[in-house]
Amino acid sequence: MPAQSDPTFGAAIERVMADEVATIEAQRKNRGVAANPARRVRLALTGGGIRSASFCAGVLQAVERKKRLVDFDYLSTVSGGGYIGATLRAGAIVGRRLALVKQLSIVLRADTWRGTWE
């Protein structure tokens, strides 16, 4: 029997959505961002290998310079964007997001790339 024909399916989805909104609002409060349950902000970092990783690093640096990185509620990544997204998330976990974003510019510069891995 398909899930849509189950009478409890709609109620379950509503509970999941309500829990998600509550979690987002709690996270916003922790980040010092104004509550707004109707507005959810998403960031997508695209794929394309190291070129994409470099581009995404630059985008994140620009967003952080404007002090807007805390505004994002969701992060979606693919391939090269995943490298930067994972680094960003790791920084958020330990409270070092800005320091990691700044470090990315050092790591991704061609003149320091070899030295980073040696």
PDB file of N, CA and C in Angstrom:
ATOM      1  N   MET A   1       0.843  -1.174   0.000  1.00  0.00           N
ATOM      2  CA  MET A   1       0.000   0.000   0.000  1.00  0.00           C
ATOM      3  C   MET A   1       0.894   1.245   0.000  1.00  0.00           C
ATOM      4  N   PRO A   2       0.695   2.186  -0.928  1.00  0.00           N
ATOM      5  CA  PRO A   2       1.505   3.407  -0.973  1.00  0.00           C
ATOM      6  C   PRO A   2       1.330   4.244   0.286  1.00  0.00           C
ATOM      7  N   ALA A   3       2.383   4.941   0.664  1.00  0.00           N
ATOM      8  CA  ALA A   3       2.364   5.754   1.877  1.00  0.00           C
ATOM      9  C   ALA A   3       1.269   6.815   1.839  1.00  0.00           C
ATOM     10  N   GLN A   4       0.985   7.374   0.645  1.00  0.00           N
ATOM     11  CA  GLN A   4      -0.003   8.439   0.545  1.00  0.00           C
ATOM     12  C   GLN A   4      -1.409   7.962   0.918  1.00  0.00           C
ATOM     13  N   SER A   5      -1.706   6.678   0.782  1.00  0.00           N
ATOM     14  CA  SER A   5      -3.035   6.183   1.137  1.00  0.00           C
ATOM     15  C   SER A   5      -3.146   5.869   2.631  1.00  0.00           C
ATOM     16  N   ASP A   6      -2.042   5.940   3.346  1.00  0.00           N
ATOM     17  CA  ASP A   6      -2.041   5.734   4.794  1.00  0.00           C
ATOM     18  C   ASP A   6      -2.541   7.017   5.464  1.00  0.00           C
ATOM     19  N   PRO A   7      -3.612   6.941   6.264  1.00  0.00           N
ATOM     20  CA  PRO A   7      -4.170   8.160   6.877  1.00  0.00           C
ATOM     21  C   PRO A   7      -3.214   8.850   7.846  1.00  0.00           C
ATOM     22  N   THR A   8      -2.219   8.142   8.370  1.00  0.00           N
ATOM     23  CA  THR A   8      -1.277   8.764   9.307  1.00  0.00           C
ATOM     24  C   THR A   8      -0.095   9.426   8.597  1.00  0.00           C
ATOM     25  N   PHE A   9       0.010   9.203   7.270  1.00  0.00           N
ATOM     26  CA  PHE A   9       1.141   9.741   6.525  1.00  0.00           C
ATOM     27  C   PHE A   9       1.212  11.266   6.612  1.00  0.00           C
ATOM     28  N   GLY A  10       0.106  11.944   6.369  1.00  0.00           N
ATOM     29  CA  GLY A  10       0.081  13.407   6.418  1.00  0.00           C
ATOM     30  C   GLY A  10       0.440  13.945   7.782  1.00  0.00           C
ATOM     31  N   ALA A  11      -0.061  13.304   8.826  1.00  0.00           N
ATOM     32  CA  ALA A  11       0.249  13.737  10.193  1.00  0.00           C
ATOM     33  C   ALA A  11       1.727  13.547  10.491  1.00  0.00           C
ATOM     34  N   ALA A  12       2.306  12.455  10.012  1.00  0.00           N
ATOM     35  CA  ALA A  12       3.730  12.202  10.249  1.00  0.00           C
ATOM     36  C   ALA A  12       4.591  13.261   9.564  1.00  0.00           C
ATOM     37  N   ILE A  13       4.245  13.607   8.335  1.00  0.00           N
ATOM     38  CA  ILE A  13       4.990  14.637   7.604  1.00  0.00           C
ATOM     39  C   ILE A  13       4.875  15.981   8.322  1.00  0.00           C
ATOM     40  N   GLU A  14       3.696  16.310   8.787  1.00  0.00           N
ATOM     41  CA  GLU A  14       3.486  17.567   9.524  1.00  0.00           C
ATOM     42  C   GLU A  14       4.348  17.612  10.787  1.00  0.00           C
ATOM     43  N   ARG A  15       4.471  16.495  11.487  1.00  0.00           N
ATOM     44  CA  ARG A  15       5.320  16.433  12.691  1.00  0.00           C
ATOM     45  C   ARG A  15       6.786  16.644  12.329  1.00  0.00           C
ATOM     46  N   VAL A  16       7.214  15.993  11.251  1.00  0.00           N
ATOM     47  CA  VAL A  16       8.609  16.141  10.807  1.00  0.00           C
ATOM     48  C   VAL A  16       8.887  17.602  10.456  1.00  0.00           C
ATOM     49  N   MET A  17       7.994  18.220   9.715  1.00  0.00           N
ATOM     50  CA  MET A  17       8.177  19.622   9.324  1.00  0.00           C
ATOM     51  C   MET A  17       8.188  20.546  10.540  1.00  0.00           C
ATOM     52  N   ALA A  18       7.302  20.300  11.496  1.00  0.00           N
ATOM     53  CA  ALA A  18       7.260  21.127  12.708  1.00  0.00           C
ATOM     54  C   ALA A  18       8.548  20.971  13.505  1.00  0.00           C
ATOM     55  N   ASP A  19       9.056  19.736  13.599  1.00  0.00           N
ATOM     56  CA  ASP A  19      10.324  19.502  14.302  1.00  0.00           C
ATOM     57  C   ASP A  19      11.482  20.200  13.595  1.00  0.00           C
ATOM     58  N   GLU A  20      11.458  20.176  12.258  1.00  0.00           N
ATOM     59  CA  GLU A  20      12.515  20.829  11.495  1.00  0.00           C
ATOM     60  C   GLU A  20      12.514  22.339  11.731  1.00  0.00           C
ATOM     61  N   VAL A  21      11.333  22.953  11.702  1.00  0.00           N
ATOM     62  CA  VAL A  21      11.232  24.393  11.947  1.00  0.00           C
ATOM     63  C   VAL A  21      11.713  24.722  13.356  1.00  0.00           C
ATOM     64  N   ALA A  22      11.336  23.917  14.337  1.00  0.00           N
ATOM     65  CA  ALA A  22      11.769  24.154  15.721  1.00  0.00           C
ATOM     66  C   ALA A  22      13.293  24.050  15.839  1.00  0.00           C
ATOM     67  N   THR A  23      13.876  23.067  15.164  1.00  0.00           N
ATOM     68  CA  THR A  23      15.332  22.901  15.203  1.00  0.00           C
ATOM     69  C   THR A  23      16.032  24.083  14.555  1.00  0.00           C
ATOM     70  N   ILE A  24      15.533  24.519  13.397  1.00  0.00           N
ATOM     71  CA  ILE A  24      16.128  25.673  12.710  1.00  0.00           C
ATOM     72  C   ILE A  24      16.035  26.922  13.578  1.00  0.00           C
ATOM     73  N   GLU A  25      14.896  27.131  14.195  1.00  0.00           N
ATOM     74  CA  GLU A  25      14.732  28.325  15.037  1.00  0.00           C
ATOM     75  C   GLU A  25      15.671  28.276  16.247  1.00  0.00           C
ATOM     76  N   ALA A  26      15.878  27.104  16.826  1.00  0.00           N
ATOM     77  CA  ALA A  26      16.818  26.973  17.951  1.00  0.00           C
ATOM     78  C   ALA A  26      18.247  27.260  17.488  1.00  0.00           C
ATOM     79  N   GLN A  27      18.596  26.755  16.304  1.00  0.00           N
ATOM     80  CA  GLN A  27      19.934  27.019  15.771  1.00  0.00           C
ATOM     81  C   GLN A  27      20.125  28.501  15.466  1.00  0.00           C
ATOM     82  N   ARG A  28      19.094  29.138  14.923  1.00  0.00           N
ATOM     83  CA  ARG A  28      19.183  30.578  14.653  1.00  0.00           C
ATOM     84  C   ARG A  28      19.394  31.358  15.940  1.00  0.00           C
ATOM     85  N   LYS A  29      18.672  30.979  16.981  1.00  0.00           N
ATOM     86  CA  LYS A  29      18.831  31.659  18.269  1.00  0.00           C
ATOM     87  C   LYS A  29      20.268  31.533  18.760  1.00  0.00           C
ATOM     88  N   ASN A  30      20.857  30.337  18.628  1.00  0.00           N
ATOM     89  CA  ASN A  30      22.247  30.118  19.035  1.00  0.00           C
ATOM     90  C   ASN A  30      23.228  30.950  18.213  1.00  0.00           C
ATOM     91  N   ARG A  31      22.884  31.212  16.939  1.00  0.00           N
ATOM     92  CA  ARG A  31      23.751  32.008  16.055  1.00  0.00           C
ATOM     93  C   ARG A  31      23.476  33.494  16.161  1.00  0.00           C
ATOM     94  N   GLY A  32      22.436  33.884  16.913  1.00  0.00           N
ATOM     95  CA  GLY A  32      22.094  35.293  17.034  1.00  0.00           C
ATOM     96  C   GLY A  32      21.353  35.835  15.827  1.00  0.00           C
ATOM     97  N   VAL A  33      20.639  34.966  15.116  1.00  0.00           N
ATOM     98  CA  VAL A  33      19.880  35.356  13.927  1.00  0.00           C
ATOM     99  C   VAL A  33      18.411  35.464  14.316  1.00  0.00           C
ATOM    100  N   ALA A  34      17.728  36.476  13.792  1.00  0.00           N
ATOM    101  CA  ALA A  34      16.321  36.706  14.123  1.00  0.00           C
ATOM    102  C   ALA A  34      15.440  35.526  13.706  1.00  0.00           C
ATOM    103  N   ALA A  35      14.465  35.225  14.537  1.00  0.00           N
ATOM    104  CA  ALA A  35      13.520  34.145  14.244  1.00  0.00           C
ATOM    105  C   ALA A  35      12.618  34.536  13.083  1.00  0.00           C
ATOM    106  N   ASN A  36      12.372  33.569  12.213  1.00  0.00           N
ATOM    107  CA  ASN A  36      11.444  33.759  11.094  1.00  0.00           C
ATOM    108  C   ASN A  36      11.098  32.376  10.540  1.00  0.00           C
ATOM    109  N   PRO A  37      10.108  31.694  11.132  1.00  0.00           N
ATOM    110  CA  PRO A  37       9.783  30.324  10.727  1.00  0.00           C
ATOM    111  C   PRO A  37       9.384  30.183   9.263  1.00  0.00           C
ATOM    112  N   ALA A  38       8.901  31.245   8.640  1.00  0.00           N
ATOM    113  CA  ALA A  38       8.455  31.164   7.248  1.00  0.00           C
ATOM    114  C   ALA A  38       9.625  31.263   6.264  1.00  0.00           C
ATOM    115  N   ARG A  39      10.792  31.682   6.723  1.00  0.00           N
ATOM    116  CA  ARG A  39      11.934  31.906   5.826  1.00  0.00           C
ATOM    117  C   ARG A  39      13.063  30.944   6.182  1.00  0.00           C
ATOM    118  N   ARG A  40      13.431  30.115   5.222  1.00  0.00           N
ATOM    119  CA  ARG A  40      14.569  29.218   5.401  1.00  0.00           C
ATOM    120  C   ARG A  40      15.571  29.510   4.290  1.00  0.00           C
ATOM    121  N   VAL A  41      16.818  29.733   4.677  1.00  0.00           N
ATOM    122  CA  VAL A  41      17.842  30.146   3.726  1.00  0.00           C
ATOM    123  C   VAL A  41      18.769  28.972   3.440  1.00  0.00           C
ATOM    124  N   ARG A  42      19.010  28.736   2.150  1.00  0.00           N
ATOM    125  CA  ARG A  42      19.805  27.589   1.714  1.00  0.00           C
ATOM    126  C   ARG A  42      21.051  28.051   0.970  1.00  0.00           C
ATOM    127  N   LEU A  43      22.125  27.269   1.112  1.00  0.00           N
ATOM    128  CA  LEU A  43      23.368  27.514   0.389  1.00  0.00           C
ATOM    129  C   LEU A  43      23.730  26.236  -0.347  1.00  0.00           C
ATOM    130  N   ALA A  44      23.908  26.320  -1.659  1.00  0.00           N
ATOM    131  CA  ALA A  44      24.305  25.176  -2.475  1.00  0.00           C
ATOM    132  C   ALA A  44      25.685  25.447  -3.053  1.00  0.00           C
ATOM    133  N   LEU A  45      26.603  24.524  -2.816  1.00  0.00           N
ATOM    134  CA  LEU A  45      27.960  24.628  -3.354  1.00  0.00           C
ATOM    135  C   LEU A  45      28.108  23.554  -4.427  1.00  0.00           C
ATOM    136  N   THR A  46      28.300  23.974  -5.657  1.00  0.00           N
ATOM    137  CA  THR A  46      28.263  23.093  -6.807  1.00  0.00           C
ATOM    138  C   THR A  46      29.532  22.266  -6.963  1.00  0.00           C
ATOM    139  N   GLY A  47      29.436  21.274  -7.813  1.00  0.00           N
ATOM    140  CA  GLY A  47      30.570  20.399  -8.087  1.00  0.00           C
ATOM    141  C   GLY A  47      31.381  20.866  -9.273  1.00  0.00           C
ATOM    142  N   GLY A  48      32.487  20.174  -9.508  1.00  0.00           N
ATOM    143  CA  GLY A  48      33.366  20.496 -10.633  1.00  0.00           C
ATOM    144  C   GLY A  48      34.829  20.383 -10.256  1.00  0.00           C
ATOM    145  N   GLY A  49      35.111  19.581  -9.242  1.00  0.00           N
ATOM    146  CA  GLY A  49      36.496  19.345  -8.865  1.00  0.00           C
ATOM    147  C   GLY A  49      37.144  20.526  -8.166  1.00  0.00           C
ATOM    148  N   ILE A  50      38.455  20.650  -8.358  1.00  0.00           N
ATOM    149  CA  ILE A  50      39.227  21.663  -7.648  1.00  0.00           C
ATOM    150  C   ILE A  50      38.840  23.071  -8.098  1.00  0.00           C
ATOM    151  N   ARG A  51      38.433  23.244  -9.351  1.00  0.00           N
ATOM    152  CA  ARG A  51      37.990  24.573  -9.799  1.00  0.00           C
ATOM    153  C   ARG A  51      36.749  25.003  -9.026  1.00  0.00           C
ATOM    154  N   SER A  52      35.842  24.071  -8.862  1.00  0.00           N
ATOM    155  CA  SER A  52      34.634  24.376  -8.101  1.00  0.00           C
ATOM    156  C   SER A  52      34.979  24.660  -6.644  1.00  0.00           C
ATOM    157  N   ALA A  53      35.869  23.864  -6.073  1.00  0.00           N
ATOM    158  CA  ALA A  53      36.277  24.080  -4.685  1.00  0.00           C
ATOM    159  C   ALA A  53      36.864  25.474  -4.514  1.00  0.00           C
ATOM    160  N   SER A  54      37.687  25.897  -5.466  1.00  0.00           N
ATOM    161  CA  SER A  54      38.286  27.233  -5.407  1.00  0.00           C
ATOM    162  C   SER A  54      37.225  28.316  -5.510  1.00  0.00           C
ATOM    163  N   PHE A  55      36.300  28.138  -6.455  1.00  0.00           N
ATOM    164  CA  PHE A  55      35.230  29.114  -6.629  1.00  0.00           C
ATOM    165  C   PHE A  55      34.372  29.197  -5.368  1.00  0.00           C
ATOM    166  N   CYS A  56      33.983  28.042  -4.834  1.00  0.00           N
ATOM    167  CA  CYS A  56      33.140  28.012  -3.634  1.00  0.00           C
ATOM    168  C   CYS A  56      33.851  28.639  -2.446  1.00  0.00           C
ATOM    169  N   ALA A  57      35.155  28.416  -2.337  1.00  0.00           N
ATOM    170  CA  ALA A  57      35.919  29.040  -1.256  1.00  0.00           C
ATOM    171  C   ALA A  57      35.846  30.555  -1.367  1.00  0.00           C
ATOM    172  N   GLY A  58      35.969  31.073  -2.583  1.00  0.00           N
ATOM    173  CA  GLY A  58      35.869  32.517  -2.794  1.00  0.00           C
ATOM    174  C   GLY A  58      34.489  33.054  -2.450  1.00  0.00           C
ATOM    175  N   VAL A  59      33.459  32.313  -2.837  1.00  0.00           N
ATOM    176  CA  VAL A  59      32.086  32.732  -2.511  1.00  0.00           C
ATOM    177  C   VAL A  59      31.907  32.787  -0.998  1.00  0.00           C
ATOM    178  N   LEU A  60      32.369  31.751  -0.307  1.00  0.00           N
ATOM    179  CA  LEU A  60      32.225  31.726   1.160  1.00  0.00           C
ATOM    180  C   LEU A  60      32.998  32.861   1.823  1.00  0.00           C
ATOM    181  N   GLN A  61      34.164  33.161   1.293  1.00  0.00           N
ATOM    182  CA  GLN A  61      34.934  34.278   1.848  1.00  0.00           C
ATOM    183  C   GLN A  61      34.176  35.587   1.684  1.00  0.00           C
ATOM    184  N   ALA A  62      33.572  35.802   0.512  1.00  0.00           N
ATOM    185  CA  ALA A  62      32.815  37.030   0.273  1.00  0.00           C
ATOM    186  C   ALA A  62      31.593  37.107   1.181  1.00  0.00           C
ATOM    187  N   VAL A  63      30.906  35.990   1.337  1.00  0.00           N
ATOM    188  CA  VAL A  63      29.726  35.948   2.212  1.00  0.00           C
ATOM    189  C   VAL A  63      30.131  36.223   3.661  1.00  0.00           C
ATOM    190  N   GLU A  64      31.229  35.652   4.092  1.00  0.00           N
ATOM    191  CA  GLU A  64      31.687  35.864   5.474  1.00  0.00           C
ATOM    192  C   GLU A  64      32.134  37.304   5.690  1.00  0.00           C
ATOM    193  N   ARG A  65      32.770  37.914   4.691  1.00  0.00           N
ATOM    194  CA  ARG A  65      33.165  39.322   4.822  1.00  0.00           C
ATOM    195  C   ARG A  65      31.963  40.215   5.077  1.00  0.00           C
ATOM    196  N   LYS A  66      30.831  39.847   4.519  1.00  0.00           N
ATOM    197  CA  LYS A  66      29.582  40.598   4.727  1.00  0.00           C
ATOM    198  C   LYS A  66      28.871  40.160   6.014  1.00  0.00           C
ATOM    199  N   LYS A  67      29.485  39.251   6.755  1.00  0.00           N
ATOM    200  CA  LYS A  67      28.915  38.734   8.020  1.00  0.00           C
ATOM    201  C   LYS A  67      27.549  38.078   7.789  1.00  0.00           C
ATOM    202  N   ARG A  68      27.392  37.388   6.667  1.00  0.00           N
ATOM    203  CA  ARG A  68      26.105  36.786   6.318  1.00  0.00           C
ATOM    204  C   ARG A  68      26.130  35.259   6.376  1.00  0.00           C
ATOM    205  N   LEU A  69      27.262  34.658   6.679  1.00  0.00           N
ATOM    206  CA  LEU A  69      27.351  33.201   6.695  1.00  0.00           C
ATOM    207  C   LEU A  69      26.415  32.590   7.740  1.00  0.00           C
ATOM    208  N   VAL A  70      26.174  33.306   8.822  1.00  0.00           N
ATOM    209  CA  VAL A  70      25.291  32.792   9.877  1.00  0.00           C
ATOM    210  C   VAL A  70      23.833  32.737   9.439  1.00  0.00           C
ATOM    211  N   ASP A  71      23.489  33.381   8.325  1.00  0.00           N
ATOM    212  CA  ASP A  71      22.102  33.421   7.867  1.00  0.00           C
ATOM    213  C   ASP A  71      21.618  32.113   7.245  1.00  0.00           C
ATOM    214  N   PHE A  72      22.527  31.232   6.853  1.00  0.00           N
ATOM    215  CA  PHE A  72      22.142  30.024   6.136  1.00  0.00           C
ATOM    216  C   PHE A  72      21.681  28.921   7.087  1.00  0.00           C
ATOM    217  N   ASP A  73      20.533  28.316   6.725  1.00  0.00           N
ATOM    218  CA  ASP A  73      19.953  27.233   7.526  1.00  0.00           C
ATOM    219  C   ASP A  73      20.289  25.860   6.972  1.00  0.00           C
ATOM    220  N   TYR A  74      20.513  25.774   5.673  1.00  0.00           N
ATOM    221  CA  TYR A  74      20.798  24.503   5.009  1.00  0.00           C
ATOM    222  C   TYR A  74      22.063  24.633   4.178  1.00  0.00           C
ATOM    223  N   LEU A  75      22.790  23.518   4.054  1.00  0.00           N
ATOM    224  CA  LEU A  75      23.972  23.466   3.204  1.00  0.00           C
ATOM    225  C   LEU A  75      23.867  22.220   2.331  1.00  0.00           C
ATOM    226  N   SER A  76      23.967  22.408   1.022  1.00  0.00           N
ATOM    227  CA  SER A  76      23.925  21.305   0.074  1.00  0.00           C
ATOM    228  C   SER A  76      25.181  21.369  -0.778  1.00  0.00           C
ATOM    229  N   THR A  77      25.886  20.237  -0.903  1.00  0.00           N
ATOM    230  CA  THR A  77      27.142  20.243  -1.652  1.00  0.00           C
ATOM    231  C   THR A  77      27.238  19.040  -2.578  1.00  0.00           C
ATOM    232  N   VAL A  78      28.075  19.195  -3.609  1.00  0.00           N
ATOM    233  CA  VAL A  78      28.368  18.124  -4.548  1.00  0.00           C
ATOM    234  C   VAL A  78      29.829  18.244  -4.948  1.00  0.00           C
ATOM    235  N   SER A  79      30.529  17.143  -5.027  1.00  0.00           N
ATOM    236  CA  SER A  79      31.873  17.052  -5.582  1.00  0.00           C
ATOM    237  C   SER A  79      32.814  18.120  -4.997  1.00  0.00           C
ATOM    238  N   GLY A  80      33.364  18.990  -5.828  1.00  0.00           N
ATOM    239  CA  GLY A  80      34.309  20.010  -5.363  1.00  0.00           C
ATOM    240  C   GLY A  80      33.714  20.925  -4.313  1.00  0.00           C
ATOM    241  N   GLY A  81      32.440  21.235  -4.445  1.00  0.00           N
ATOM    242  CA  GLY A  81      31.761  22.028  -3.423  1.00  0.00           C
ATOM    243  C   GLY A  81      31.702  21.292  -2.097  1.00  0.00           C
ATOM    244  N   GLY A  82      31.716  19.968  -2.173  1.00  0.00           N
ATOM    245  CA  GLY A  82      31.692  19.149  -0.962  1.00  0.00           C
ATOM    246  C   GLY A  82      32.958  19.296  -0.132  1.00  0.00           C
ATOM    247  N   TYR A  83      34.107  19.485  -0.799  1.00  0.00           N
ATOM    248  CA  TYR A  83      35.353  19.699  -0.057  1.00  0.00           C
ATOM    249  C   TYR A  83      35.234  20.941   0.824  1.00  0.00           C
ATOM    250  N   ILE A  84      34.740  22.008   0.218  1.00  0.00           N
ATOM    251  CA  ILE A  84      34.635  23.272   0.929  1.00  0.00           C
ATOM    252  C   ILE A  84      33.498  23.225   1.944  1.00  0.00           C
ATOM    253  N   GLY A  85      32.380  22.611   1.569  1.00  0.00           N
ATOM    254  CA  GLY A  85      31.251  22.480   2.488  1.00  0.00           C
ATOM    255  C   GLY A  85      31.619  21.677   3.723  1.00  0.00           C
ATOM    256  N   ALA A  86      32.372  20.595   3.533  1.00  0.00           N
ATOM    257  CA  ALA A  86      32.804  19.782   4.668  1.00  0.00           C
ATOM    258  C   ALA A  86      33.758  20.562   5.559  1.00  0.00           C
ATOM    259  N   THR A  87      34.643  21.339   4.944  1.00  0.00           N
ATOM    260  CA  THR A  87      35.566  22.168   5.723  1.00  0.00           C
ATOM    261  C   THR A  87      34.803  23.228   6.505  1.00  0.00           C
ATOM    262  N   LEU A  88      33.825  23.842   5.858  1.00  0.00           N
ATOM    263  CA  LEU A  88      32.994  24.850   6.524  1.00  0.00           C
ATOM    264  C   LEU A  88      32.254  24.228   7.699  1.00  0.00           C
ATOM    265  N   ARG A  89      31.650  23.076   7.491  1.00  0.00           N
ATOM    266  CA  ARG A  89      30.894  22.404   8.554  1.00  0.00           C
ATOM    267  C   ARG A  89      31.823  21.994   9.691  1.00  0.00           C
ATOM    268  N   ALA A  90      32.988  21.489   9.361  1.00  0.00           N
ATOM    269  CA  ALA A  90      33.941  21.111  10.402  1.00  0.00           C
ATOM    270  C   ALA A  90      34.321  22.332  11.232  1.00  0.00           C
ATOM    271  N   GLY A  91      34.498  23.464  10.574  1.00  0.00           N
ATOM    272  CA  GLY A  91      34.813  24.699  11.289  1.00  0.00           C
ATOM    273  C   GLY A  91      33.674  25.143  12.180  1.00  0.00           C
ATOM    274  N   ALA A  92      32.438  24.963  11.717  1.00  0.00           N
ATOM    275  CA  ALA A  92      31.277  25.351  12.516  1.00  0.00           C
ATOM    276  C   ALA A  92      31.170  24.492  13.764  1.00  0.00           C
ATOM    277  N   ILE A  93      31.515  23.226  13.636  1.00  0.00           N
ATOM    278  CA  ILE A  93      31.417  22.314  14.774  1.00  0.00           C
ATOM    279  C   ILE A  93      32.354  22.753  15.895  1.00  0.00           C
ATOM    280  N   VAL A  94      33.547  23.167  15.546  1.00  0.00           N
ATOM    281  CA  VAL A  94      34.515  23.557  16.573  1.00  0.00           C
ATOM    282  C   VAL A  94      34.587  25.068  16.768  1.00  0.00           C
ATOM    283  N   GLY A  95      33.678  25.806  16.119  1.00  0.00           N
ATOM    284  CA  GLY A  95      33.619  27.248  16.325  1.00  0.00           C
ATOM    285  C   GLY A  95      34.721  28.030  15.643  1.00  0.00           C
ATOM    286  N   ARG A  96      35.303  27.471  14.588  1.00  0.00           N
ATOM    287  CA  ARG A  96      36.410  28.127  13.896  1.00  0.00           C
ATOM    288  C   ARG A  96      36.079  28.408  12.438  1.00  0.00           C
ATOM    289  N   ARG A  97      34.828  28.643  12.118  1.00  0.00           N
ATOM    290  CA  ARG A  97      34.386  28.792  10.737  1.00  0.00           C
ATOM    291  C   ARG A  97      35.173  29.883  10.000  1.00  0.00           C
ATOM    292  N   LEU A  98      35.253  31.064  10.541  1.00  0.00           N
ATOM    293  CA  LEU A  98      35.926  32.167   9.843  1.00  0.00           C
ATOM    294  C   LEU A  98      37.404  31.870   9.640  1.00  0.00           C
ATOM    295  N   ALA A  99      38.061  31.321  10.645  1.00  0.00           N
ATOM    296  CA  ALA A  99      39.481  30.999  10.507  1.00  0.00           C
ATOM    297  C   ALA A  99      39.708  29.993   9.388  1.00  0.00           C
ATOM    298  N   LEU A 100      38.841  29.000   9.273  1.00  0.00           N
ATOM    299  CA  LEU A 100      38.989  28.014   8.211  1.00  0.00           C
ATOM    300  C   LEU A 100      38.739  28.627   6.839  1.00  0.00           C
ATOM    301  N   VAL A 101      37.742  29.491   6.727  1.00  0.00           N
ATOM    302  CA  VAL A 101      37.468  30.132   5.437  1.00  0.00           C
ATOM    303  C   VAL A 101      38.673  30.970   5.020  1.00  0.00           C
ATOM    304  N   LYS A 102      39.279  31.677   5.961  1.00  0.00           N
ATOM    305  CA  LYS A 102      40.474  32.468   5.633  1.00  0.00           C
ATOM    306  C   LYS A 102      41.627  31.559   5.230  1.00  0.00           C
ATOM    307  N   GLN A 103      41.778  30.413   5.898  1.00  0.00           N
ATOM    308  CA  GLN A 103      42.855  29.483   5.574  1.00  0.00           C
ATOM    309  C   GLN A 103      42.699  28.912   4.171  1.00  0.00           C
ATOM    310  N   LEU A 104      41.467  28.786   3.712  1.00  0.00           N
ATOM    311  CA  LEU A 104      41.243  28.228   2.380  1.00  0.00           C
ATOM    312  C   LEU A 104      41.941  29.054   1.314  1.00  0.00           C
ATOM    313  N   SER A 105      42.002  30.355   1.485  1.00  0.00           N
ATOM    314  CA  SER A 105      42.658  31.190   0.480  1.00  0.00           C
ATOM    315  C   SER A 105      44.147  30.881   0.425  1.00  0.00           C
ATOM    316  N   ILE A 106      44.727  30.502   1.544  1.00  0.00           N
ATOM    317  CA  ILE A 106      46.148  30.153   1.571  1.00  0.00           C
ATOM    318  C   ILE A 106      46.355  28.794   0.914  1.00  0.00           C
ATOM    319  N   VAL A 107      45.526  27.837   1.262  1.00  0.00           N
ATOM    320  CA  VAL A 107      45.668  26.481   0.733  1.00  0.00           C
ATOM    321  C   VAL A 107      45.442  26.437  -0.770  1.00  0.00           C
ATOM    322  N   LEU A 108      44.481  27.207  -1.270  1.00  0.00           N
ATOM    323  CA  LEU A 108      44.103  27.117  -2.671  1.00  0.00           C
ATOM    324  C   LEU A 108      44.924  28.008  -3.600  1.00  0.00           C
ATOM    325  N   ARG A 109      45.823  28.824  -3.054  1.00  0.00           N
ATOM    326  CA  ARG A 109      46.684  29.628  -3.919  1.00  0.00           C
ATOM    327  C   ARG A 109      47.717  28.714  -4.571  1.00  0.00           C
ATOM    328  N   ALA A 110      47.952  28.887  -5.839  1.00  0.00           N
ATOM    329  CA  ALA A 110      48.861  28.000  -6.583  1.00  0.00           C
ATOM    330  C   ALA A 110      50.279  28.021  -6.013  1.00  0.00           C
ATOM    331  N   ASP A 111      50.729  29.169  -5.529  1.00  0.00           N
ATOM    332  CA  ASP A 111      52.115  29.255  -5.068  1.00  0.00           C
ATOM    333  C   ASP A 111      52.336  28.551  -3.727  1.00  0.00           C
ATOM    334  N   THR A 112      51.287  28.232  -3.004  1.00  0.00           N
ATOM    335  CA  THR A 112      51.473  27.541  -1.726  1.00  0.00           C
ATOM    336  C   THR A 112      50.923  26.125  -1.754  1.00  0.00           C
ATOM    337  N   TRP A 113      50.301  25.727  -2.850  1.00  0.00           N
ATOM    338  CA  TRP A 113      49.652  24.409  -2.910  1.00  0.00           C
ATOM    339  C   TRP A 113      50.636  23.282  -2.626  1.00  0.00           C
ATOM    340  N   ARG A 114      51.788  23.279  -3.295  1.00  0.00           N
ATOM    341  CA  ARG A 114      52.752  22.195  -3.103  1.00  0.00           C
ATOM    342  C   ARG A 114      53.250  22.156  -1.666  1.00  0.00           C
ATOM    343  N   GLY A 115      53.518  23.317  -1.089  1.00  0.00           N
ATOM    344  CA  GLY A 115      54.019  23.368   0.276  1.00  0.00           C
ATOM    345  C   GLY A 115      53.012  22.835   1.287  1.00  0.00           C
ATOM    346  N   THR A 116      51.743  22.934   0.971  1.00  0.00           N
ATOM    347  CA  THR A 116      50.708  22.463   1.877  1.00  0.00           C
ATOM    348  C   THR A 116      50.754  20.948   2.019  1.00  0.00           C
ATOM    349  N   TRP A 117      51.101  20.259   0.922  1.00  0.00           N
ATOM    350  CA  TRP A 117      51.065  18.795   0.926  1.00  0.00           C
ATOM    351  C   TRP A 117      52.414  18.161   1.217  1.00  0.00           C
ATOM    352  N   GLU A 118      53.485  18.925   1.204  1.00  0.00           N
ATOM    353  CA  GLU A 118      54.813  18.354   1.437  1.00  0.00           C
ATOM    354  C   GLU A 118      55.090  18.197   2.917  1.00  0.00           C
TER     355      GLU A 118
END
